[in-house]
Amino acid sequence: MSSKKGGLSLPDRPGAGAGDGIISRVSSSISQSPIVYQGKRAASDAALIAKKLLKSTGKAAWIAGTTFLILVVPLIIEMDRDAQLTELELQQASLLGTPPPPSAAGGPK
């Protein structure tokens, strides 16, 4: 006798249905073990916790990144502009031969 699966004719296995064999019985008894069930449950719980942790970490990273862009980057740009302006004032003072302004020279000595 042959059984049709996916358009192919496959012969039946000899001894099929008459106690499939010791390996299949042992594997089915192991897979239905309470220890295996608890292991699968623990793995599922660990995966759920990891998923929640990654999700909250992603949210925290987004908040930190956008806060940095909104608050810190403009401050860095302004400090750079101030440093360039101070350097330009020092260059102009040295070219004109005048003493540098006290704020640009680091204050009075």
PDB file of N, CA and C in Angstrom:
ATOM      1  N   MET A   1       0.827  -1.181   0.000  1.00  0.00           N
ATOM      2  CA  MET A   1       0.000   0.000   0.000  1.00  0.00           C
ATOM      3  C   MET A   1       0.868   1.239   0.000  1.00  0.00           C
ATOM      4  N   SER A   2       0.374   2.268  -0.594  1.00  0.00           N
ATOM      5  CA  SER A   2       1.144   3.504  -0.610  1.00  0.00           C
ATOM      6  C   SER A   2       0.244   4.658  -0.178  1.00  0.00           C
ATOM      7  N   SER A   3       0.866   5.643   0.450  1.00  0.00           N
ATOM      8  CA  SER A   3       0.120   6.822   0.892  1.00  0.00           C
ATOM      9  C   SER A   3       0.596   8.015   0.087  1.00  0.00           C
ATOM     10  N   LYS A   4      -0.314   8.896  -0.250  1.00  0.00           N
ATOM     11  CA  LYS A   4       0.028  10.058  -1.074  1.00  0.00           C
ATOM     12  C   LYS A   4       0.271  11.256  -0.178  1.00  0.00           C
ATOM     13  N   LYS A   5       1.450  11.879  -0.332  1.00  0.00           N
ATOM     14  CA  LYS A   5       1.803  13.089   0.392  1.00  0.00           C
ATOM     15  C   LYS A   5       2.464  14.024  -0.601  1.00  0.00           C
ATOM     16  N   GLY A   6       1.863  15.137  -0.833  1.00  0.00           N
ATOM     17  CA  GLY A   6       2.458  16.121  -1.711  1.00  0.00           C
ATOM     18  C   GLY A   6       2.608  15.656  -3.142  1.00  0.00           C
ATOM     19  N   GLY A   7       1.764  14.758  -3.592  1.00  0.00           N
ATOM     20  CA  GLY A   7       1.829  14.303  -4.967  1.00  0.00           C
ATOM     21  C   GLY A   7       2.793  13.158  -5.195  1.00  0.00           C
ATOM     22  N   LEU A   8       3.452  12.665  -4.142  1.00  0.00           N
ATOM     23  CA  LEU A   8       4.389  11.559  -4.291  1.00  0.00           C
ATOM     24  C   LEU A   8       3.804  10.309  -3.661  1.00  0.00           C
ATOM     25  N   SER A   9       4.109   9.174  -4.241  1.00  0.00           N
ATOM     26  CA  SER A   9       3.681   7.906  -3.662  1.00  0.00           C
ATOM     27  C   SER A   9       4.807   7.355  -2.818  1.00  0.00           C
ATOM     28  N   LEU A  10       4.540   7.193  -1.529  1.00  0.00           N
ATOM     29  CA  LEU A  10       5.542   6.660  -0.634  1.00  0.00           C
ATOM     30  C   LEU A  10       5.054   5.338  -0.064  1.00  0.00           C
ATOM     31  N   PRO A  11       5.925   4.372  -0.012  1.00  0.00           N
ATOM     32  CA  PRO A  11       5.512   3.092   0.572  1.00  0.00           C
ATOM     33  C   PRO A  11       5.379   3.232   2.092  1.00  0.00           C
ATOM     34  N   ASP A  12       4.466   2.459   2.675  1.00  0.00           N
ATOM     35  CA  ASP A  12       4.309   2.463   4.131  1.00  0.00           C
ATOM     36  C   ASP A  12       5.522   1.828   4.773  1.00  0.00           C
ATOM     37  N   ARG A  13       5.836   2.281   5.999  1.00  0.00           N
ATOM     38  CA  ARG A  13       6.957   1.684   6.723  1.00  0.00           C
ATOM     39  C   ARG A  13       6.551   0.316   7.251  1.00  0.00           C
ATOM     40  N   PRO A  14       7.461  -0.609   7.209  1.00  0.00           N
ATOM     41  CA  PRO A  14       7.124  -1.907   7.789  1.00  0.00           C
ATOM     42  C   PRO A  14       7.040  -1.789   9.309  1.00  0.00           C
ATOM     43  N   GLY A  15       6.023  -2.348   9.883  1.00  0.00           N
ATOM     44  CA  GLY A  15       5.859  -2.343  11.335  1.00  0.00           C
ATOM     45  C   GLY A  15       5.267  -1.049  11.855  1.00  0.00           C
ATOM     46  N   ALA A  16       4.800  -0.168  10.983  1.00  0.00           N
ATOM     47  CA  ALA A  16       4.217   1.092  11.435  1.00  0.00           C
ATOM     48  C   ALA A  16       2.899   0.803  12.125  1.00  0.00           C
ATOM     49  N   GLY A  17       2.700   1.424  13.265  1.00  0.00           N
ATOM     50  CA  GLY A  17       1.473   1.233  14.009  1.00  0.00           C
ATOM     51  C   GLY A  17       1.574   0.112  15.022  1.00  0.00           C
ATOM     52  N   ALA A  18       2.577  -0.692  14.946  1.00  0.00           N
ATOM     53  CA  ALA A  18       2.735  -1.798  15.881  1.00  0.00           C
ATOM     54  C   ALA A  18       3.786  -1.436  16.910  1.00  0.00           C
ATOM     55  N   GLY A  19       3.625  -0.302  17.603  1.00  0.00           N
ATOM     56  CA  GLY A  19       4.597   0.110  18.620  1.00  0.00           C
ATOM     57  C   GLY A  19       5.843   0.638  17.943  1.00  0.00           C
ATOM     58  N   ASP A  20       5.817   1.847  17.479  1.00  0.00           N
ATOM     59  CA  ASP A  20       6.814   2.454  16.599  1.00  0.00           C
ATOM     60  C   ASP A  20       8.260   2.120  16.941  1.00  0.00           C
ATOM     61  N   GLY A  21       8.587   1.827  18.113  1.00  0.00           N
ATOM     62  CA  GLY A  21       9.951   1.495  18.459  1.00  0.00           C
ATOM     63  C   GLY A  21      10.324   2.097  19.793  1.00  0.00           C
ATOM     64  N   ILE A  22      11.417   1.610  20.315  1.00  0.00           N
ATOM     65  CA  ILE A  22      11.836   2.034  21.647  1.00  0.00           C
ATOM     66  C   ILE A  22      12.297   3.483  21.667  1.00  0.00           C
ATOM     67  N   ILE A  23      12.920   3.928  20.580  1.00  0.00           N
ATOM     68  CA  ILE A  23      13.437   5.293  20.544  1.00  0.00           C
ATOM     69  C   ILE A  23      12.282   6.295  20.593  1.00  0.00           C
ATOM     70  N   SER A  24      11.241   6.050  19.817  1.00  0.00           N
ATOM     71  CA  SER A  24      10.120   6.988  19.824  1.00  0.00           C
ATOM     72  C   SER A  24       9.385   6.964  21.162  1.00  0.00           C
ATOM     73  N   ARG A  25       9.297   5.799  21.789  1.00  0.00           N
ATOM     74  CA  ARG A  25       8.636   5.735  23.106  1.00  0.00           C
ATOM     75  C   ARG A  25       9.446   6.468  24.163  1.00  0.00           C
ATOM     76  N   VAL A  26      10.772   6.323  24.124  1.00  0.00           N
ATOM     77  CA  VAL A  26      11.627   6.999  25.101  1.00  0.00           C
ATOM     78  C   VAL A  26      11.589   8.509  24.866  1.00  0.00           C
ATOM     79  N   SER A  27      11.662   8.929  23.601  1.00  0.00           N
ATOM     80  CA  SER A  27      11.650  10.372  23.327  1.00  0.00           C
ATOM     81  C   SER A  27      10.313  10.994  23.703  1.00  0.00           C
ATOM     82  N   SER A  28       9.214  10.274  23.496  1.00  0.00           N
ATOM     83  CA  SER A  28       7.918  10.843  23.891  1.00  0.00           C
ATOM     84  C   SER A  28       7.786  10.891  25.408  1.00  0.00           C
ATOM     85  N   SER A  29       8.335   9.908  26.111  1.00  0.00           N
ATOM     86  CA  SER A  29       8.251   9.958  27.576  1.00  0.00           C
ATOM     87  C   SER A  29       9.153  11.054  28.141  1.00  0.00           C
ATOM     88  N   ILE A  30      10.278  11.334  27.496  1.00  0.00           N
ATOM     89  CA  ILE A  30      11.163  12.412  27.947  1.00  0.00           C
ATOM     90  C   ILE A  30      10.528  13.765  27.661  1.00  0.00           C
ATOM     91  N   SER A  31       9.936  13.924  26.466  1.00  0.00           N
ATOM     92  CA  SER A  31       9.356  15.217  26.106  1.00  0.00           C
ATOM     93  C   SER A  31       8.125  15.540  26.949  1.00  0.00           C
ATOM     94  N   GLN A  32       7.485  14.550  27.540  1.00  0.00           N
ATOM     95  CA  GLN A  32       6.328  14.791  28.393  1.00  0.00           C
ATOM     96  C   GLN A  32       6.699  14.815  29.872  1.00  0.00           C
ATOM     97  N   SER A  33       7.976  14.822  30.162  1.00  0.00           N
ATOM     98  CA  SER A  33       8.468  14.845  31.534  1.00  0.00           C
ATOM     99  C   SER A  33       8.189  16.202  32.184  1.00  0.00           C
ATOM    100  N   PRO A  34       7.895  16.220  33.504  1.00  0.00           N
ATOM    101  CA  PRO A  34       7.670  17.509  34.181  1.00  0.00           C
ATOM    102  C   PRO A  34       8.933  18.377  34.211  1.00  0.00           C
ATOM    103  N   ILE A  35      10.102  17.774  34.200  1.00  0.00           N
ATOM    104  CA  ILE A  35      11.344  18.543  34.199  1.00  0.00           C
ATOM    105  C   ILE A  35      11.481  19.300  32.883  1.00  0.00           C
ATOM    106  N   VAL A  36      11.157  18.647  31.783  1.00  0.00           N
ATOM    107  CA  VAL A  36      11.212  19.299  30.474  1.00  0.00           C
ATOM    108  C   VAL A  36      10.181  20.418  30.423  1.00  0.00           C
ATOM    109  N   TYR A  37       9.002  20.182  30.972  1.00  0.00           N
ATOM    110  CA  TYR A  37       7.962  21.211  30.998  1.00  0.00           C
ATOM    111  C   TYR A  37       8.436  22.429  31.788  1.00  0.00           C
ATOM    112  N   GLN A  38       9.039  22.204  32.945  1.00  0.00           N
ATOM    113  CA  GLN A  38       9.531  23.317  33.763  1.00  0.00           C
ATOM    114  C   GLN A  38      10.678  24.044  33.060  1.00  0.00           C
ATOM    115  N   GLY A  39      11.521  23.297  32.373  1.00  0.00           N
ATOM    116  CA  GLY A  39      12.612  23.924  31.616  1.00  0.00           C
ATOM    117  C   GLY A  39      12.086  24.803  30.499  1.00  0.00           C
ATOM    118  N   LYS A  40      11.078  24.307  29.775  1.00  0.00           N
ATOM    119  CA  LYS A  40      10.483  25.106  28.709  1.00  0.00           C
ATOM    120  C   LYS A  40       9.811  26.346  29.281  1.00  0.00           C
ATOM    121  N   ARG A  41       9.152  26.188  30.411  1.00  0.00           N
ATOM    122  CA  ARG A  41       8.477  27.327  31.046  1.00  0.00           C
ATOM    123  C   ARG A  41       9.506  28.364  31.514  1.00  0.00           C
ATOM    124  N   ALA A  42      10.608  27.902  32.103  1.00  0.00           N
ATOM    125  CA  ALA A  42      11.657  28.821  32.557  1.00  0.00           C
ATOM    126  C   ALA A  42      12.279  29.550  31.369  1.00  0.00           C
ATOM    127  N   ALA A  43      12.510  28.846  30.281  1.00  0.00           N
ATOM    128  CA  ALA A  43      13.074  29.473  29.083  1.00  0.00           C
ATOM    129  C   ALA A  43      12.107  30.504  28.505  1.00  0.00           C
ATOM    130  N   SER A  44      10.832  30.178  28.523  1.00  0.00           N
ATOM    131  CA  SER A  44       9.825  31.118  28.032  1.00  0.00           C
ATOM    132  C   SER A  44       9.769  32.365  28.904  1.00  0.00           C
ATOM    133  N   ASP A  45       9.811  32.184  30.228  1.00  0.00           N
ATOM    134  CA  ASP A  45       9.809  33.321  31.148  1.00  0.00           C
ATOM    135  C   ASP A  45      11.059  34.169  30.967  1.00  0.00           C
ATOM    136  N   ALA A  46      12.209  33.530  30.789  1.00  0.00           N
ATOM    137  CA  ALA A  46      13.462  34.268  30.590  1.00  0.00           C
ATOM    138  C   ALA A  46      13.414  35.061  29.284  1.00  0.00           C
ATOM    139  N   ALA A  47      12.852  34.480  28.251  1.00  0.00           N
ATOM    140  CA  ALA A  47      12.734  35.181  26.972  1.00  0.00           C
ATOM    141  C   ALA A  47      11.807  36.382  27.103  1.00  0.00           C
ATOM    142  N   LEU A  48      10.733  36.250  27.844  1.00  0.00           N
ATOM    143  CA  LEU A  48       9.794  37.351  28.046  1.00  0.00           C
ATOM    144  C   LEU A  48      10.460  38.490  28.823  1.00  0.00           C
ATOM    145  N   ILE A  49      11.198  38.151  29.850  1.00  0.00           N
ATOM    146  CA  ILE A  49      11.901  39.169  30.645  1.00  0.00           C
ATOM    147  C   ILE A  49      12.959  39.864  29.793  1.00  0.00           C
ATOM    148  N   ALA A  50      13.689  39.100  29.002  1.00  0.00           N
ATOM    149  CA  ALA A  50      14.712  39.690  28.130  1.00  0.00           C
ATOM    150  C   ALA A  50      14.075  40.633  27.110  1.00  0.00           C
ATOM    151  N   LYS A  51      12.932  40.251  26.583  1.00  0.00           N
ATOM    152  CA  LYS A  51      12.234  41.096  25.612  1.00  0.00           C
ATOM    153  C   LYS A  51      11.801  42.412  26.259  1.00  0.00           C
ATOM    154  N   LYS A  52      11.233  42.334  27.471  1.00  0.00           N
ATOM    155  CA  LYS A  52      10.811  43.545  28.179  1.00  0.00           C
ATOM    156  C   LYS A  52      12.011  44.421  28.511  1.00  0.00           C
ATOM    157  N   LEU A  53      13.122  43.804  28.925  1.00  0.00           N
ATOM    158  CA  LEU A  53      14.329  44.554  29.266  1.00  0.00           C
ATOM    159  C   LEU A  53      14.887  45.280  28.042  1.00  0.00           C
ATOM    160  N   LEU A  54      14.936  44.588  26.911  1.00  0.00           N
ATOM    161  CA  LEU A  54      15.433  45.214  25.687  1.00  0.00           C
ATOM    162  C   LEU A  54      14.533  46.359  25.241  1.00  0.00           C
ATOM    163  N   LYS A  55      13.220  46.158  25.407  1.00  0.00           N
ATOM    164  CA  LYS A  55      12.281  47.201  25.018  1.00  0.00           C
ATOM    165  C   LYS A  55      12.463  48.444  25.888  1.00  0.00           C
ATOM    166  N   SER A  56      12.580  48.260  27.198  1.00  0.00           N
ATOM    167  CA  SER A  56      12.747  49.410  28.089  1.00  0.00           C
ATOM    168  C   SER A  56      14.130  50.047  27.909  1.00  0.00           C
ATOM    169  N   THR A  57      15.143  49.239  27.628  1.00  0.00           N
ATOM    170  CA  THR A  57      16.475  49.784  27.373  1.00  0.00           C
ATOM    171  C   THR A  57      16.473  50.619  26.100  1.00  0.00           C
ATOM    172  N   GLY A  58      15.758  50.165  25.101  1.00  0.00           N
ATOM    173  CA  GLY A  58      15.641  50.922  23.860  1.00  0.00           C
ATOM    174  C   GLY A  58      14.945  52.256  24.086  1.00  0.00           C
ATOM    175  N   LYS A  59      13.899  52.242  24.901  1.00  0.00           N
ATOM    176  CA  LYS A  59      13.209  53.498  25.211  1.00  0.00           C
ATOM    177  C   LYS A  59      14.132  54.453  25.960  1.00  0.00           C
ATOM    178  N   ALA A  60      14.874  53.926  26.924  1.00  0.00           N
ATOM    179  CA  ALA A  60      15.799  54.769  27.698  1.00  0.00           C
ATOM    180  C   ALA A  60      16.891  55.334  26.792  1.00  0.00           C
ATOM    181  N   ALA A  61      17.398  54.531  25.869  1.00  0.00           N
ATOM    182  CA  ALA A  61      18.427  55.008  24.940  1.00  0.00           C
ATOM    183  C   ALA A  61      17.866  56.095  24.031  1.00  0.00           C
ATOM    184  N   TRP A  62      16.627  55.938  23.595  1.00  0.00           N
ATOM    185  CA  TRP A  62      15.997  56.957  22.759  1.00  0.00           C
ATOM    186  C   TRP A  62      15.858  58.268  23.534  1.00  0.00           C
ATOM    187  N   ILE A  63      15.405  58.194  24.776  1.00  0.00           N
ATOM    188  CA  ILE A  63      15.237  59.396  25.598  1.00  0.00           C
ATOM    189  C   ILE A  63      16.582  60.074  25.829  1.00  0.00           C
ATOM    190  N   ALA A  64      17.599  59.287  26.174  1.00  0.00           N
ATOM    191  CA  ALA A  64      18.927  59.861  26.422  1.00  0.00           C
ATOM    192  C   ALA A  64      19.500  60.488  25.148  1.00  0.00           C
ATOM    193  N   GLY A  65      19.338  59.828  24.027  1.00  0.00           N
ATOM    194  CA  GLY A  65      19.875  60.344  22.767  1.00  0.00           C
ATOM    195  C   GLY A  65      19.212  61.631  22.329  1.00  0.00           C
ATOM    196  N   THR A  66      17.888  61.677  22.402  1.00  0.00           N
ATOM    197  CA  THR A  66      17.198  62.895  21.984  1.00  0.00           C
ATOM    198  C   THR A  66      17.461  64.042  22.960  1.00  0.00           C
ATOM    199  N   THR A  67      17.558  63.744  24.244  1.00  0.00           N
ATOM    200  CA  THR A  67      17.888  64.783  25.222  1.00  0.00           C
ATOM    201  C   THR A  67      19.273  65.349  24.943  1.00  0.00           C
ATOM    202  N   PHE A  68      20.215  64.483  24.635  1.00  0.00           N
ATOM    203  CA  PHE A  68      21.574  64.927  24.302  1.00  0.00           C
ATOM    204  C   PHE A  68      21.551  65.836  23.085  1.00  0.00           C
ATOM    205  N   LEU A  69      20.810  65.436  22.053  1.00  0.00           N
ATOM    206  CA  LEU A  69      20.762  66.243  20.840  1.00  0.00           C
ATOM    207  C   LEU A  69      20.121  67.603  21.081  1.00  0.00           C
ATOM    208  N   ILE A  70      19.087  67.640  21.911  1.00  0.00           N
ATOM    209  CA  ILE A  70      18.365  68.896  22.123  1.00  0.00           C
ATOM    210  C   ILE A  70      19.110  69.824  23.076  1.00  0.00           C
ATOM    211  N   LEU A  71      19.730  69.296  24.118  1.00  0.00           N
ATOM    212  CA  LEU A  71      20.338  70.146  25.145  1.00  0.00           C
ATOM    213  C   LEU A  71      21.843  70.321  25.011  1.00  0.00           C
ATOM    214  N   VAL A  72      22.568  69.270  24.714  1.00  0.00           N
ATOM    215  CA  VAL A  72      24.033  69.320  24.777  1.00  0.00           C
ATOM    216  C   VAL A  72      24.666  69.777  23.471  1.00  0.00           C
ATOM    217  N   VAL A  73      24.164  69.329  22.347  1.00  0.00           N
ATOM    218  CA  VAL A  73      24.773  69.693  21.066  1.00  0.00           C
ATOM    219  C   VAL A  73      24.738  71.203  20.827  1.00  0.00           C
ATOM    220  N   PRO A  74      23.623  71.892  21.066  1.00  0.00           N
ATOM    221  CA  PRO A  74      23.665  73.357  20.907  1.00  0.00           C
ATOM    222  C   PRO A  74      24.665  74.029  21.847  1.00  0.00           C
ATOM    223  N   LEU A  75      24.819  73.508  23.048  1.00  0.00           N
ATOM    224  CA  LEU A  75      25.801  74.057  23.983  1.00  0.00           C
ATOM    225  C   LEU A  75      27.220  73.893  23.434  1.00  0.00           C
ATOM    226  N   ILE A  76      27.524  72.735  22.878  1.00  0.00           N
ATOM    227  CA  ILE A  76      28.846  72.491  22.300  1.00  0.00           C
ATOM    228  C   ILE A  76      29.097  73.438  21.122  1.00  0.00           C
ATOM    229  N   ILE A  77      28.079  73.626  20.289  1.00  0.00           N
ATOM    230  CA  ILE A  77      28.227  74.527  19.140  1.00  0.00           C
ATOM    231  C   ILE A  77      28.481  75.954  19.613  1.00  0.00           C
ATOM    232  N   GLU A  78      27.738  76.408  20.623  1.00  0.00           N
ATOM    233  CA  GLU A  78      27.922  77.763  21.137  1.00  0.00           C
ATOM    234  C   GLU A  78      29.292  77.944  21.767  1.00  0.00           C
ATOM    235  N   MET A  79      29.781  76.955  22.494  1.00  0.00           N
ATOM    236  CA  MET A  79      31.116  77.046  23.095  1.00  0.00           C
ATOM    237  C   MET A  79      32.190  77.114  22.004  1.00  0.00           C
ATOM    238  N   ASP A  80      31.995  76.374  20.917  1.00  0.00           N
ATOM    239  CA  ASP A  80      32.944  76.405  19.807  1.00  0.00           C
ATOM    240  C   ASP A  80      32.944  77.779  19.137  1.00  0.00           C
ATOM    241  N   ARG A  81      31.751  78.345  18.943  1.00  0.00           N
ATOM    242  CA  ARG A  81      31.677  79.695  18.366  1.00  0.00           C
ATOM    243  C   ARG A  81      32.390  80.714  19.253  1.00  0.00           C
ATOM    244  N   ASP A  82      32.184  80.617  20.554  1.00  0.00           N
ATOM    245  CA  ASP A  82      32.827  81.537  21.495  1.00  0.00           C
ATOM    246  C   ASP A  82      34.355  81.397  21.433  1.00  0.00           C
ATOM    247  N   ALA A  83      34.832  80.173  21.350  1.00  0.00           N
ATOM    248  CA  ALA A  83      36.278  79.950  21.256  1.00  0.00           C
ATOM    249  C   ALA A  83      36.830  80.525  19.956  1.00  0.00           C
ATOM    250  N   GLN A  84      36.106  80.371  18.852  1.00  0.00           N
ATOM    251  CA  GLN A  84      36.556  80.926  17.573  1.00  0.00           C
ATOM    252  C   GLN A  84      36.575  82.453  17.622  1.00  0.00           C
ATOM    253  N   LEU A  85      35.568  83.052  18.247  1.00  0.00           N
ATOM    254  CA  LEU A  85      35.511  84.500  18.365  1.00  0.00           C
ATOM    255  C   LEU A  85      36.676  85.026  19.201  1.00  0.00           C
ATOM    256  N   THR A  86      36.974  84.369  20.296  1.00  0.00           N
ATOM    257  CA  THR A  86      38.093  84.765  21.148  1.00  0.00           C
ATOM    258  C   THR A  86      39.404  84.664  20.379  1.00  0.00           C
ATOM    259  N   GLU A  87      39.570  83.590  19.631  1.00  0.00           N
ATOM    260  CA  GLU A  87      40.794  83.416  18.833  1.00  0.00           C
ATOM    261  C   GLU A  87      40.911  84.501  17.771  1.00  0.00           C
ATOM    262  N   LEU A  88      39.797  84.854  17.145  1.00  0.00           N
ATOM    263  CA  LEU A  88      39.804  85.909  16.141  1.00  0.00           C
ATOM    264  C   LEU A  88      40.174  87.255  16.761  1.00  0.00           C
ATOM    265  N   GLU A  89      39.645  87.542  17.953  1.00  0.00           N
ATOM    266  CA  GLU A  89      39.984  88.794  18.635  1.00  0.00           C
ATOM    267  C   GLU A  89      41.476  88.851  18.959  1.00  0.00           C
ATOM    268  N   LEU A  90      42.045  87.742  19.393  1.00  0.00           N
ATOM    269  CA  LEU A  90      43.487  87.704  19.693  1.00  0.00           C
ATOM    270  C   LEU A  90      44.313  87.926  18.431  1.00  0.00           C
ATOM    271  N   GLN A  91      43.905  87.334  17.318  1.00  0.00           N
ATOM    272  CA  GLN A  91      44.632  87.520  16.061  1.00  0.00           C
ATOM    273  C   GLN A  91      44.569  88.974  15.604  1.00  0.00           C
ATOM    274  N   GLN A  92      43.384  89.588  15.700  1.00  0.00           N
ATOM    275  CA  GLN A  92      43.243  90.987  15.293  1.00  0.00           C
ATOM    276  C   GLN A  92      44.073  91.910  16.184  1.00  0.00           C
ATOM    277  N   ALA A  93      44.081  91.619  17.487  1.00  0.00           N
ATOM    278  CA  ALA A  93      44.856  92.451  18.407  1.00  0.00           C
ATOM    279  C   ALA A  93      46.344  92.330  18.119  1.00  0.00           C
ATOM    280  N   SER A  94      46.801  91.152  17.787  1.00  0.00           N
ATOM    281  CA  SER A  94      48.231  90.992  17.501  1.00  0.00           C
ATOM    282  C   SER A  94      48.607  91.648  16.175  1.00  0.00           C
ATOM    283  N   LEU A  95      47.705  91.666  15.200  1.00  0.00           N
ATOM    284  CA  LEU A  95      47.981  92.311  13.921  1.00  0.00           C
ATOM    285  C   LEU A  95      47.992  93.835  14.056  1.00  0.00           C
ATOM    286  N   LEU A  96      47.119  94.362  14.883  1.00  0.00           N
ATOM    287  CA  LEU A  96      47.030  95.809  15.047  1.00  0.00           C
ATOM    288  C   LEU A  96      48.061  96.338  16.037  1.00  0.00           C
ATOM    289  N   GLY A  97      48.676  95.502  16.805  1.00  0.00           N
ATOM    290  CA  GLY A  97      49.680  95.904  17.762  1.00  0.00           C
ATOM    291  C   GLY A  97      49.105  96.440  19.055  1.00  0.00           C
ATOM    292  N   THR A  98      47.827  96.237  19.274  1.00  0.00           N
ATOM    293  CA  THR A  98      47.220  96.683  20.531  1.00  0.00           C
ATOM    294  C   THR A  98      47.268  95.551  21.524  1.00  0.00           C
ATOM    295  N   PRO A  99      47.241  95.857  22.811  1.00  0.00           N
ATOM    296  CA  PRO A  99      47.217  94.769  23.782  1.00  0.00           C
ATOM    297  C   PRO A  99      45.886  94.021  23.696  1.00  0.00           C
ATOM    298  N   PRO A 100      45.914  92.717  23.884  1.00  0.00           N
ATOM    299  CA  PRO A 100      44.683  91.930  23.793  1.00  0.00           C
ATOM    300  C   PRO A 100      43.705  92.327  24.904  1.00  0.00           C
ATOM    301  N   PRO A 101      42.413  92.210  24.626  1.00  0.00           N
ATOM    302  CA  PRO A 101      41.434  92.519  25.670  1.00  0.00           C
ATOM    303  C   PRO A 101      41.617  91.596  26.872  1.00  0.00           C
ATOM    304  N   PRO A 102      41.319  92.082  28.079  1.00  0.00           N
ATOM    305  CA  PRO A 102      41.536  91.264  29.275  1.00  0.00           C
ATOM    306  C   PRO A 102      40.751  89.962  29.263  1.00  0.00           C
ATOM    307  N   SER A 103      39.555  89.957  28.687  1.00  0.00           N
ATOM    308  CA  SER A 103      38.765  88.722  28.683  1.00  0.00           C
ATOM    309  C   SER A 103      39.378  87.689  27.766  1.00  0.00           C
ATOM    310  N   ALA A 104      40.029  88.115  26.680  1.00  0.00           N
ATOM    311  CA  ALA A 104      40.635  87.174  25.738  1.00  0.00           C
ATOM    312  C   ALA A 104      41.983  86.680  26.227  1.00  0.00           C
ATOM    313  N   ALA A 105      42.685  87.487  27.014  1.00  0.00           N
ATOM    314  CA  ALA A 105      44.029  87.097  27.460  1.00  0.00           C
ATOM    315  C   ALA A 105      43.992  86.258  28.725  1.00  0.00           C
ATOM    316  N   GLY A 106      42.828  86.019  29.246  1.00  0.00           N
ATOM    317  CA  GLY A 106      42.747  85.189  30.447  1.00  0.00           C
ATOM    318  C   GLY A 106      42.672  85.992  31.719  1.00  0.00           C
ATOM    319  N   GLY A 107      42.439  87.295  31.615  1.00  0.00           N
ATOM    320  CA  GLY A 107      42.280  88.116  32.812  1.00  0.00           C
ATOM    321  C   GLY A 107      43.565  88.815  33.205  1.00  0.00           C
ATOM    322  N   PRO A 108      43.469  89.785  34.138  1.00  0.00           N
ATOM    323  CA  PRO A 108      44.667  90.528  34.554  1.00  0.00           C
ATOM    324  C   PRO A 108      45.588  89.674  35.393  1.00  0.00           C
ATOM    325  N   LYS A 109      46.908  90.020  35.324  1.00  0.00           N
ATOM    326  CA  LYS A 109      47.901  89.260  36.101  1.00  0.00           C
ATOM    327  C   LYS A 109      48.474  90.095  37.197  1.00  0.00           C
TER     328      LYS A 109
END
